[in-house]
Every structure is written in structure tokens, then in C-alpha cells.
Amino acid sequence: MKNDYKKLFPNDINALKALNENLYQKYNQLNIKYNEVLQGLNNTNENMRKKAIEYFNEYKDLKTKYDQKLNELNKRKKNLDNEILKNKQENDIIKNNLQKYYNEKDFFMKKLESCPNKEEKKENNQNKEQIAFSNINNAEIKMLKDALKKISSLGYDLTDGLVMTDEENQILNNILNENMDNNKKENEEEIKKENGEQEDENEIDKEDYDLSNQIVGLIERDVNDLYMRKLIEQVKIDQIDAITYSFKGNTKNKDVEFKIENGNLVCNTGESFTVWLISNFSL
């Protein structure tokens, strides 16, 4: 332009003036267009800003509601976990009570099977009495011989075919009854002795049953306490006899005998039951 400005701009002042006015008009038109575009951009930016504020406010509301729902969900989850734990503990207690019931039932049934009931005892006693009286009947001949010898020693002769007097009949009856009573007493004493032995056995069974109940109750108390405190795993308990029990966990199976000292269980290993449980079935 430095070299060719004479070619671009006319030398005539009027033509130069007309060119300048034309350029000025074009500049004004361009300026108007620029302002319109700039105003449009400003309007667009303002709308975008308002939309951004609107969206941000909606986001904050949604975030607040989300946090509230999340807190409610966490509380519900925590309550549900507590309910599940509580139900599990109650189920474990029910299972232990059922196991205790089955153990006591099995123990009682075994003892019941080993002991004859009243009807059986009565029948056995009747059978014994029948055998005893049968033995008496079978021994009548011998008793009569002994009685006849005794009668003969008293001066009575029963071999001459004479009829015995009333007094002689009474003496004979007394002698026979005496021998019968003696044999009957001996048999009754024998039956009483056998019944006494059976009562002793029943008394021993009752003591074993009472001891078993005490041990089962203490087992249930200690196992439930340690399990609820999450110190031991869940164990299955089977009763072997009044003092011997089998414990089965996930990997171990242990048998142990108990005795009761100061209201607590002590194992045959010398440990307290709780120490023994933790050492063998800890989590």
C-alpha cells in the first residue's frame, strides 16, 4: 500500500471524499453488525450463566435428597443387620434348646427303656409269686412228709385207717400252714430284696438324670455367652452319657467329661469349660 496508495486512492478530492464516506458507512455497518453479534454472545452467555445457576441449584437439591436417602438407607441396612444378627442369635438359642431337649429326651428314653415300668414290675412280681407258689405246690409232697413225721412224733398214727378228730385236723392244719407261711415269707423277702435293688438302681438313674440336667444347663449358658460375644464358632453338642459330651465345630470334634465345682463346669483336662471351649473352638 505504501507503494501503490496512489493507485488505491484517487487524486480527485471529490472522489477521495466519496471513498472516505463509503468507507465510513461500511465501518458503521460493520460496527453495528459487530455490536449485534457481541450483544448476541452476551445474551447467550447470560442465558448459559442462568442455566448453569439453575442446574447447580437443582444439583444441590438432588445432592441433598441423595444424601438424605443414603443416610436412611444406611440406617435401614444397619437395623436390618442388627435384626439378622438378633434372629441368628435367637435361632442359635432355639437350636441349642432343641438340642438340649433332644439330648434330655434321648437320655430319658434310654433310662426309661432300661427300667421296667410299673405294669412290668407288677407283672414280674406276679410271675415271681406264681413261680414261688408253683414251687410251693411242687414242694407240697415234701412238706406233707415232714408234717406227717412231725405228727407221728406227736403220737398220732395216720396209717391205721382211723378217722382223725377235729383236734387232730386242727393240729395238722396248723403244721401245714406254718410250713406254708415260712416258705411264703422267704419268697416275699426275696422279692423285696430284688425290688430294693431295683429301687437303688432307679435312685442312681435319677441322680444321673439330675446331674445331666445341671450339666446341660451350664453347657447352654457358657456356649451361648461365648458365641454371642463372638469368641467361639457355632458348635453342635451331643450327649454320650450323664457326664460325657461330644462337641463338633467346623474342623474339630472333641469329647470331654465334666464335673461341677462352685456352680461352674470343669473338664477332665483340668481346665474350666469356657477356657476349654475357647482353646478348641475359637473364631
Protein backbone atom coordinates (compact mmCIF):
# COMPACT_ATOMS: atom_id res chain seq x y z
CA MET A 1 0.00 0.00 0.00
CA LYS A 2 2.93 2.28 0.61
CA ASN A 3 3.99 1.91 -2.96
CA ASP A 4 0.55 1.63 -4.56
CA TYR A 5 -1.57 4.05 -2.47
CA LYS A 6 -1.77 6.40 -5.43
CA LYS A 7 -3.39 3.57 -7.37
CA LEU A 8 -5.82 2.77 -4.50
CA PHE A 9 -6.88 6.32 -3.64
CA PRO A 10 -7.97 8.73 -6.33
CA ASN A 11 -6.26 12.10 -6.77
CA ASP A 12 -9.55 13.86 -7.15
CA ILE A 13 -10.65 15.38 -3.86
CA ASN A 14 -14.33 14.74 -4.51
CA ALA A 15 -13.66 11.11 -5.43
CA LEU A 16 -11.47 10.76 -2.32
CA LYS A 17 -14.21 12.28 -0.22
CA ALA A 18 -16.78 9.91 -1.70
CA LEU A 19 -14.46 6.97 -0.99
CA ASN A 20 -13.96 8.13 2.58
CA GLU A 21 -17.69 8.42 3.15
CA ASN A 22 -18.25 5.00 1.65
CA LEU A 23 -15.59 3.52 3.92
CA TYR A 24 -17.13 5.29 6.91
CA GLN A 25 -20.57 3.86 6.13
CA LYS A 26 -19.11 0.39 5.71
CA TYR A 27 -17.32 0.84 9.03
CA ASN A 28 -20.56 1.87 10.73
CA GLN A 29 -22.37 -1.10 9.24
CA LEU A 30 -19.57 -3.38 10.37
CA ASN A 31 -19.64 -1.81 13.82
CA ILE A 32 -23.40 -2.33 14.06
CA LYS A 33 -23.03 -5.93 12.99
CA TYR A 34 -20.21 -6.42 15.50
CA ASN A 35 -22.30 -4.93 18.31
CA GLU A 36 -25.21 -7.13 17.34
CA VAL A 37 -23.00 -10.24 17.36
CA LEU A 38 -21.40 -9.16 20.64
CA GLN A 39 -24.81 -8.50 22.19
CA GLY A 40 -25.99 -11.90 20.97
CA LEU A 41 -22.95 -13.53 22.54
CA ASN A 42 -23.56 -11.63 25.78
CA ASN A 43 -27.20 -12.71 25.78
CA THR A 44 -26.18 -16.29 25.10
CA ASN A 45 -23.58 -16.18 27.89
CA GLU A 46 -26.13 -14.68 30.27
CA ASN A 47 -28.63 -17.39 29.41
CA MET A 48 -25.96 -20.01 29.88
CA ARG A 49 -25.00 -18.46 33.22
CA LYS A 50 -28.61 -18.51 34.39
CA LYS A 51 -29.00 -22.08 33.20
CA ALA A 52 -25.78 -23.01 34.99
CA ILE A 53 -27.07 -21.45 38.22
CA GLU A 54 -30.41 -23.20 37.76
CA TYR A 55 -28.72 -26.55 37.08
CA PHE A 56 -26.35 -26.06 40.02
CA ASN A 57 -29.26 -25.32 42.36
CA GLU A 58 -31.07 -28.41 41.07
CA TYR A 59 -27.87 -30.39 41.58
CA LYS A 60 -27.60 -29.15 45.18
CA ASP A 61 -31.22 -30.12 45.84
CA LEU A 62 -30.69 -33.54 44.28
CA LYS A 63 -27.43 -33.97 46.20
CA THR A 64 -29.18 -33.08 49.48
CA LYS A 65 -32.01 -35.52 48.76
CA TYR A 66 -29.49 -38.17 47.71
CA ASP A 67 -27.53 -37.74 50.96
CA GLN A 68 -30.76 -38.00 52.97
CA LYS A 69 -31.82 -41.15 51.11
CA LEU A 70 -28.33 -42.60 51.52
CA ASN A 71 -28.40 -41.93 55.27
CA GLU A 72 -31.84 -43.50 55.52
CA LEU A 73 -30.62 -46.49 53.51
CA ASN A 74 -27.56 -46.88 55.74
CA LYS A 75 -29.76 -46.73 58.85
CA ARG A 76 -32.14 -49.29 57.38
CA LYS A 77 -29.18 -51.52 56.45
CA LYS A 78 -27.75 -51.19 59.96
CA ASN A 79 -31.15 -52.00 61.52
CA LEU A 80 -31.53 -54.94 59.14
CA ASP A 81 -28.05 -56.22 60.03
CA ASN A 82 -28.94 -55.94 63.73
CA GLU A 83 -32.21 -57.79 63.13
CA ILE A 84 -30.38 -60.50 61.18
CA LEU A 85 -27.82 -60.87 63.99
CA LYS A 86 -30.57 -60.90 66.61
CA ASN A 87 -32.56 -63.50 64.66
CA LYS A 88 -29.42 -65.58 64.20
CA GLN A 89 -28.71 -65.46 67.91
CA GLU A 90 -32.33 -66.36 68.70
CA ASN A 91 -32.16 -69.20 66.18
CA ASP A 92 -28.95 -70.45 67.78
CA ILE A 93 -30.58 -70.33 71.21
CA ILE A 94 -33.60 -72.21 69.85
CA LYS A 95 -31.30 -74.77 68.21
CA ASN A 96 -29.39 -75.20 71.47
CA ASN A 97 -32.65 -75.55 73.39
CA LEU A 98 -33.89 -78.09 70.85
CA GLN A 99 -30.59 -79.95 71.10
CA LYS A 100 -30.87 -79.88 74.88
CA TYR A 101 -34.44 -81.17 74.62
CA TYR A 102 -33.40 -83.97 72.27
CA ASN A 103 -30.45 -84.86 74.49
CA GLU A 104 -32.66 -84.98 77.58
CA LYS A 105 -35.31 -86.90 75.68
CA ASP A 106 -32.77 -89.45 74.39
CA PHE A 107 -31.23 -89.76 77.83
CA PHE A 108 -34.63 -90.14 79.48
CA MET A 109 -35.82 -92.67 76.87
CA LYS A 110 -32.65 -94.73 77.33
CA LYS A 111 -33.15 -94.75 81.07
CA LEU A 112 -36.84 -95.47 80.62
CA GLU A 113 -36.07 -98.37 78.32
CA SER A 114 -33.54 -99.75 80.80
CA CYS A 115 -36.07 -99.60 83.67
CA PRO A 116 -39.26 -101.70 83.67
CA ASN A 117 -42.44 -99.69 84.16
CA LYS A 118 -44.95 -100.25 86.93
CA GLU A 119 -47.02 -102.68 84.89
CA GLU A 120 -43.91 -104.67 84.02
CA LYS A 121 -42.82 -104.64 87.66
CA LYS A 122 -46.27 -105.78 88.71
CA GLU A 123 -46.27 -108.48 86.07
CA ASN A 124 -42.76 -109.54 87.06
CA ASN A 125 -43.80 -109.67 90.72
CA GLN A 126 -46.89 -111.67 89.82
CA ASN A 127 -44.76 -114.02 87.76
CA LYS A 128 -42.34 -114.35 90.67
CA GLU A 129 -45.22 -115.01 93.05
CA GLN A 130 -46.68 -117.56 90.65
CA ILE A 131 -43.29 -119.26 90.39
CA ALA A 132 -42.93 -119.12 94.15
CA PHE A 133 -46.38 -120.63 94.72
CA SER A 134 -45.71 -123.10 91.96
CA ASN A 135 -42.57 -124.05 93.82
CA ILE A 136 -44.68 -124.30 96.98
CA ASN A 137 -47.13 -126.57 95.18
CA ASN A 138 -44.31 -128.67 93.88
CA ALA A 139 -42.88 -128.89 97.41
CA GLU A 140 -46.17 -129.88 98.99
CA ILE A 141 -45.29 -133.55 98.93
CA LYS A 142 -42.07 -132.91 100.83
CA MET A 143 -43.89 -130.62 103.28
CA LEU A 144 -46.55 -133.25 103.85
CA LYS A 145 -43.90 -135.84 104.51
CA ASP A 146 -42.22 -133.55 107.03
CA ALA A 147 -45.61 -132.70 108.54
CA LEU A 148 -46.56 -136.40 108.80
CA LYS A 149 -43.26 -137.12 110.51
CA LYS A 150 -43.90 -134.31 112.95
CA ILE A 151 -47.48 -135.55 113.55
CA SER A 152 -46.17 -139.05 114.08
CA SER A 153 -43.64 -137.72 116.60
CA LEU A 154 -46.58 -136.20 118.49
CA GLY A 155 -48.12 -139.64 118.94
CA TYR A 156 -50.72 -139.60 116.14
CA ASP A 157 -50.93 -142.59 113.81
CA LEU A 158 -52.40 -141.89 110.36
CA THR A 159 -51.68 -145.34 108.88
CA ASP A 160 -54.31 -147.43 110.61
CA GLY A 161 -57.28 -146.07 108.58
CA LEU A 162 -58.91 -144.34 111.55
CA VAL A 163 -60.66 -141.02 111.00
CA MET A 164 -58.90 -138.03 112.61
CA THR A 165 -60.71 -135.99 115.21
CA ASP A 166 -61.35 -132.25 114.93
CA GLU A 167 -58.48 -131.53 117.27
CA GLU A 168 -56.17 -133.70 115.18
CA ASN A 169 -57.31 -131.97 112.00
CA GLN A 170 -56.63 -128.56 113.58
CA ILE A 171 -53.13 -129.62 114.62
CA LEU A 172 -52.46 -130.90 111.08
CA ASN A 173 -53.72 -127.65 109.52
CA ASN A 174 -51.59 -125.59 111.89
CA ILE A 175 -48.49 -127.54 110.95
CA LEU A 176 -49.21 -127.26 107.19
CA ASN A 177 -49.99 -123.54 107.47
CA GLU A 178 -46.82 -122.97 109.46
CA ASN A 179 -44.72 -124.55 106.73
CA MET A 180 -46.64 -122.65 104.01
CA ASP A 181 -46.18 -119.32 105.85
CA ASN A 182 -42.46 -119.88 106.28
CA ASN A 183 -41.98 -120.60 102.58
CA LYS A 184 -44.17 -117.65 101.60
CA LYS A 185 -42.18 -115.28 103.88
CA GLU A 186 -38.93 -116.48 102.36
CA ASN A 187 -40.25 -115.82 98.87
CA GLU A 188 -41.63 -112.39 99.85
CA GLU A 189 -38.29 -111.43 101.37
CA GLU A 190 -36.54 -112.49 98.18
CA ILE A 191 -38.95 -110.39 96.08
CA LYS A 192 -38.50 -107.38 98.40
CA LYS A 193 -34.75 -107.74 98.13
CA GLU A 194 -34.90 -107.72 94.33
CA ASN A 195 -37.29 -104.76 94.37
CA GLY A 196 -34.95 -102.92 96.74
CA GLU A 197 -32.06 -103.47 94.34
CA GLN A 198 -34.24 -102.17 91.50
CA GLU A 199 -35.15 -99.09 93.59
CA ASP A 200 -31.45 -98.48 94.24
CA GLU A 201 -30.82 -98.63 90.50
CA ASN A 202 -33.72 -96.24 89.90
CA GLU A 203 -32.30 -93.86 92.51
CA ILE A 204 -28.92 -93.95 90.75
CA ASP A 205 -30.64 -93.28 87.43
CA LYS A 206 -32.47 -90.31 88.96
CA GLU A 207 -29.21 -88.88 90.29
CA ASP A 208 -27.61 -89.29 86.84
CA TYR A 209 -30.63 -87.59 85.26
CA ASP A 210 -30.45 -84.65 87.69
CA LEU A 211 -26.70 -84.30 87.15
CA SER A 212 -27.21 -84.44 83.38
CA ASN A 213 -29.79 -81.63 83.56
CA GLN A 214 -27.42 -79.46 85.59
CA ILE A 215 -24.52 -80.06 83.18
CA VAL A 216 -26.70 -79.40 80.09
CA GLY A 217 -27.91 -76.13 81.61
CA LEU A 218 -24.36 -74.96 82.35
CA ILE A 219 -23.19 -76.01 78.86
CA GLU A 220 -26.00 -74.00 77.30
CA ARG A 221 -25.22 -70.97 79.47
CA ASP A 222 -21.49 -70.90 78.67
CA VAL A 223 -21.79 -71.77 74.95
CA ASN A 224 -24.45 -69.11 74.33
CA ASP A 225 -22.46 -66.48 76.25
CA LEU A 226 -19.22 -67.09 74.34
CA TYR A 227 -20.99 -67.40 70.99
CA MET A 228 -22.92 -64.12 71.43
CA ARG A 229 -19.63 -62.43 72.35
CA LYS A 230 -18.18 -63.88 69.09
CA LEU A 231 -15.41 -65.70 70.95
CA ILE A 232 -16.23 -69.16 69.57
CA GLU A 233 -17.69 -70.63 66.41
CA GLN A 234 -21.02 -72.45 66.31
CA VAL A 235 -20.74 -75.95 67.76
CA LYS A 236 -23.02 -79.00 67.71
CA ILE A 237 -23.40 -80.81 71.03
CA ASP A 238 -24.28 -84.50 71.52
CA GLN A 239 -24.71 -86.25 74.86
CA ILE A 240 -22.87 -89.54 75.32
CA ASP A 241 -23.81 -90.16 78.97
CA ALA A 242 -24.61 -88.10 82.07
CA ILE A 243 -21.13 -86.52 82.29
CA THR A 244 -19.64 -87.09 78.81
CA TYR A 245 -20.48 -84.87 75.82
CA SER A 246 -19.30 -84.54 72.22
CA PHE A 247 -18.61 -81.11 70.68
CA LYS A 248 -18.31 -80.68 66.89
CA GLY A 249 -17.21 -77.46 65.19
CA ASN A 250 -16.27 -76.64 61.60
CA THR A 251 -12.98 -78.54 61.73
CA LYS A 252 -12.77 -80.19 65.17
CA ASN A 253 -14.66 -82.91 67.02
CA LYS A 254 -13.90 -83.23 70.75
CA ASP A 255 -15.26 -85.42 73.57
CA VAL A 256 -14.98 -84.25 77.17
CA GLU A 257 -16.15 -85.29 80.64
CA PHE A 258 -17.44 -82.75 83.16
CA LYS A 259 -17.79 -82.21 86.86
CA ILE A 260 -19.43 -79.29 88.63
CA GLU A 261 -17.42 -77.12 91.02
CA ASN A 262 -18.89 -73.97 92.60
CA GLY A 263 -21.66 -73.79 90.01
CA ASN A 264 -19.26 -74.00 87.03
CA LEU A 265 -18.17 -76.80 84.71
CA VAL A 266 -14.66 -78.23 84.96
CA CYS A 267 -13.31 -80.57 82.24
CA ASN A 268 -11.45 -83.79 82.87
CA THR A 269 -8.41 -82.00 81.39
CA GLY A 270 -8.40 -79.75 84.46
CA GLU A 271 -9.47 -76.64 82.53
CA SER A 272 -12.63 -74.66 83.09
CA PHE A 273 -15.24 -75.29 80.40
CA THR A 274 -15.03 -71.74 78.99
CA VAL A 275 -11.23 -71.94 78.64
CA TRP A 276 -11.55 -75.36 77.01
CA LEU A 277 -14.17 -74.04 74.54
CA ILE A 278 -12.11 -71.01 73.52
CA SER A 279 -8.92 -73.07 73.10
CA ASN A 280 -10.66 -75.62 70.85
CA PHE A 281 -13.40 -73.66 69.00
CA SER A 282 -12.29 -70.01 68.94
CA LEU A 283 -13.01 -67.91 65.84
